[in-house]
Amino acid sequence: MNKKNEMMIKKRQQLEMTQGQLADLLGVKSNTVCQYENGNRKPRGQTAIKISKILNIPLEKII
């Protein structure tokens, strides 16, 4: 796990949001959010932008 993944997890937890809740907001499955957080998959395009806005993380810290 790298700093980008850790930041995403930390921000989501600070918002007291589950992976499932974030997935619903993003329009993806919860296992996809899990893969983003574990570093097995990188969010792209509109999904990365949505994560940036929802979690208040600069886009360049996500992609």
N, C-alpha and C. Protein backbone atom coordinates (compact mmCIF):
# COMPACT_ATOMS: atom_id res chain seq x y z
N MET A 1 0.85 -1.17 0.00
CA MET A 1 0.00 0.00 0.00
C MET A 1 0.89 1.24 0.00
N ASN A 2 0.52 2.23 -0.79
CA ASN A 2 1.33 3.44 -0.85
C ASN A 2 0.59 4.61 -0.21
N LYS A 3 1.24 5.76 -0.22
CA LYS A 3 0.68 6.95 0.43
C LYS A 3 -0.65 7.37 -0.17
N LYS A 4 -0.80 7.23 -1.50
CA LYS A 4 -2.05 7.61 -2.15
C LYS A 4 -3.20 6.75 -1.63
N ASN A 5 -2.95 5.47 -1.52
CA ASN A 5 -3.98 4.55 -1.04
C ASN A 5 -4.31 4.84 0.43
N GLU A 6 -3.27 5.06 1.22
CA GLU A 6 -3.47 5.34 2.64
C GLU A 6 -4.27 6.62 2.84
N MET A 7 -4.00 7.63 2.01
CA MET A 7 -4.72 8.90 2.11
C MET A 7 -6.20 8.70 1.80
N MET A 8 -6.48 7.92 0.79
CA MET A 8 -7.87 7.66 0.41
C MET A 8 -8.61 6.96 1.55
N ILE A 9 -7.99 5.96 2.15
CA ILE A 9 -8.60 5.24 3.27
C ILE A 9 -8.83 6.18 4.45
N LYS A 10 -7.80 6.95 4.78
CA LYS A 10 -7.88 7.85 5.93
C LYS A 10 -9.00 8.87 5.75
N LYS A 11 -9.08 9.47 4.57
CA LYS A 11 -10.11 10.48 4.31
C LYS A 11 -11.51 9.86 4.37
N ARG A 12 -11.66 8.67 3.80
CA ARG A 12 -12.95 7.99 3.83
C ARG A 12 -13.36 7.69 5.28
N GLN A 13 -12.42 7.22 6.07
CA GLN A 13 -12.71 6.91 7.46
C GLN A 13 -13.01 8.16 8.27
N GLN A 14 -12.32 9.26 7.97
CA GLN A 14 -12.60 10.52 8.67
C GLN A 14 -14.03 10.98 8.42
N LEU A 15 -14.54 10.68 7.25
CA LEU A 15 -15.92 11.02 6.91
C LEU A 15 -16.91 9.98 7.43
N GLU A 16 -16.38 8.98 8.15
CA GLU A 16 -17.18 7.88 8.69
C GLU A 16 -18.02 7.22 7.60
N MET A 17 -17.34 6.96 6.49
CA MET A 17 -17.98 6.38 5.32
C MET A 17 -17.43 4.98 5.09
N THR A 18 -18.31 4.05 4.78
CA THR A 18 -17.87 2.70 4.46
C THR A 18 -17.46 2.63 2.99
N GLN A 19 -16.78 1.55 2.64
CA GLN A 19 -16.44 1.34 1.24
C GLN A 19 -17.70 1.24 0.40
N GLY A 20 -18.72 0.62 0.94
CA GLY A 20 -19.98 0.48 0.23
C GLY A 20 -20.66 1.81 -0.03
N GLN A 21 -20.61 2.69 0.96
CA GLN A 21 -21.21 4.01 0.79
C GLN A 21 -20.47 4.81 -0.27
N LEU A 22 -19.14 4.75 -0.23
CA LEU A 22 -18.36 5.45 -1.24
C LEU A 22 -18.63 4.86 -2.61
N ALA A 23 -18.71 3.56 -2.68
CA ALA A 23 -19.01 2.89 -3.96
C ALA A 23 -20.34 3.37 -4.53
N ASP A 24 -21.35 3.48 -3.68
CA ASP A 24 -22.66 3.95 -4.14
C ASP A 24 -22.57 5.36 -4.71
N LEU A 25 -21.82 6.23 -4.05
CA LEU A 25 -21.65 7.60 -4.53
C LEU A 25 -20.89 7.65 -5.86
N LEU A 26 -19.98 6.71 -6.03
CA LEU A 26 -19.17 6.67 -7.25
C LEU A 26 -19.86 5.92 -8.39
N GLY A 27 -20.85 5.11 -8.05
CA GLY A 27 -21.51 4.30 -9.07
C GLY A 27 -20.70 3.08 -9.46
N VAL A 28 -19.94 2.55 -8.49
CA VAL A 28 -19.15 1.34 -8.73
C VAL A 28 -19.49 0.33 -7.64
N LYS A 29 -18.95 -0.87 -7.74
CA LYS A 29 -19.17 -1.90 -6.72
C LYS A 29 -18.19 -1.68 -5.57
N SER A 30 -18.57 -2.15 -4.39
CA SER A 30 -17.71 -1.94 -3.22
C SER A 30 -16.36 -2.65 -3.36
N ASN A 31 -16.33 -3.77 -4.09
CA ASN A 31 -15.03 -4.44 -4.27
C ASN A 31 -14.10 -3.60 -5.16
N THR A 32 -14.66 -2.74 -5.99
CA THR A 32 -13.83 -1.83 -6.80
C THR A 32 -13.15 -0.81 -5.89
N VAL A 33 -13.90 -0.25 -4.94
CA VAL A 33 -13.32 0.69 -3.98
C VAL A 33 -12.23 -0.02 -3.17
N CYS A 34 -12.47 -1.25 -2.79
CA CYS A 34 -11.48 -2.04 -2.06
C CYS A 34 -10.20 -2.18 -2.89
N GLN A 35 -10.35 -2.44 -4.18
CA GLN A 35 -9.18 -2.57 -5.06
C GLN A 35 -8.44 -1.24 -5.18
N TYR A 36 -9.16 -0.12 -5.24
CA TYR A 36 -8.51 1.19 -5.27
C TYR A 36 -7.69 1.38 -4.00
N GLU A 37 -8.28 1.07 -2.86
CA GLU A 37 -7.62 1.29 -1.58
C GLU A 37 -6.44 0.35 -1.36
N ASN A 38 -6.50 -0.84 -1.93
CA ASN A 38 -5.40 -1.80 -1.79
C ASN A 38 -4.31 -1.59 -2.83
N GLY A 39 -4.55 -0.71 -3.79
CA GLY A 39 -3.56 -0.44 -4.82
C GLY A 39 -3.57 -1.44 -5.96
N ASN A 40 -4.60 -2.29 -6.02
CA ASN A 40 -4.70 -3.28 -7.10
C ASN A 40 -5.30 -2.70 -8.36
N ARG A 41 -5.87 -1.53 -8.24
CA ARG A 41 -6.53 -0.88 -9.37
C ARG A 41 -6.47 0.63 -9.15
N LYS A 42 -6.36 1.39 -10.24
CA LYS A 42 -6.32 2.85 -10.14
C LYS A 42 -7.60 3.44 -10.72
N PRO A 43 -8.19 4.39 -10.00
CA PRO A 43 -9.38 5.04 -10.55
C PRO A 43 -9.00 5.91 -11.74
N ARG A 44 -9.88 5.95 -12.73
CA ARG A 44 -9.60 6.74 -13.93
C ARG A 44 -10.75 7.70 -14.22
N GLY A 45 -10.45 8.68 -15.02
CA GLY A 45 -11.46 9.58 -15.56
C GLY A 45 -12.41 10.16 -14.53
N GLN A 46 -13.70 10.05 -14.83
CA GLN A 46 -14.72 10.64 -13.98
C GLN A 46 -14.73 10.04 -12.57
N THR A 47 -14.37 8.78 -12.45
CA THR A 47 -14.33 8.16 -11.12
C THR A 47 -13.27 8.82 -10.25
N ALA A 48 -12.11 9.09 -10.81
CA ALA A 48 -11.05 9.76 -10.06
C ALA A 48 -11.49 11.16 -9.66
N ILE A 49 -12.17 11.86 -10.55
CA ILE A 49 -12.66 13.21 -10.25
C ILE A 49 -13.69 13.15 -9.13
N LYS A 50 -14.58 12.18 -9.17
CA LYS A 50 -15.59 12.03 -8.12
C LYS A 50 -14.94 11.75 -6.77
N ILE A 51 -13.95 10.86 -6.76
CA ILE A 51 -13.24 10.56 -5.51
C ILE A 51 -12.60 11.82 -4.96
N SER A 52 -11.98 12.58 -5.82
CA SER A 52 -11.34 13.83 -5.43
C SER A 52 -12.33 14.77 -4.75
N LYS A 53 -13.50 14.91 -5.34
CA LYS A 53 -14.51 15.82 -4.80
C LYS A 53 -15.13 15.29 -3.51
N ILE A 54 -15.48 14.01 -3.49
CA ILE A 54 -16.14 13.43 -2.33
C ILE A 54 -15.22 13.41 -1.11
N LEU A 55 -13.96 13.01 -1.32
CA LEU A 55 -13.02 12.87 -0.21
C LEU A 55 -12.18 14.12 0.02
N ASN A 56 -12.36 15.12 -0.84
CA ASN A 56 -11.60 16.37 -0.74
C ASN A 56 -10.09 16.11 -0.78
N ILE A 57 -9.69 15.37 -1.80
CA ILE A 57 -8.29 15.05 -2.04
C ILE A 57 -7.93 15.63 -3.40
N PRO A 58 -6.79 16.33 -3.52
CA PRO A 58 -6.39 16.83 -4.84
C PRO A 58 -6.29 15.68 -5.85
N LEU A 59 -6.78 15.92 -7.05
CA LEU A 59 -6.82 14.89 -8.09
C LEU A 59 -5.45 14.26 -8.33
N GLU A 60 -4.40 15.07 -8.31
CA GLU A 60 -3.06 14.53 -8.56
C GLU A 60 -2.60 13.56 -7.47
N LYS A 61 -3.25 13.59 -6.31
CA LYS A 61 -2.91 12.66 -5.23
C LYS A 61 -3.63 11.32 -5.41
N ILE A 62 -4.58 11.29 -6.35
CA ILE A 62 -5.36 10.07 -6.57
C ILE A 62 -4.83 9.28 -7.75
N ILE A 63 -4.50 9.98 -8.84
CA ILE A 63 -4.09 9.28 -10.05
C ILE A 63 -2.58 9.13 -10.13
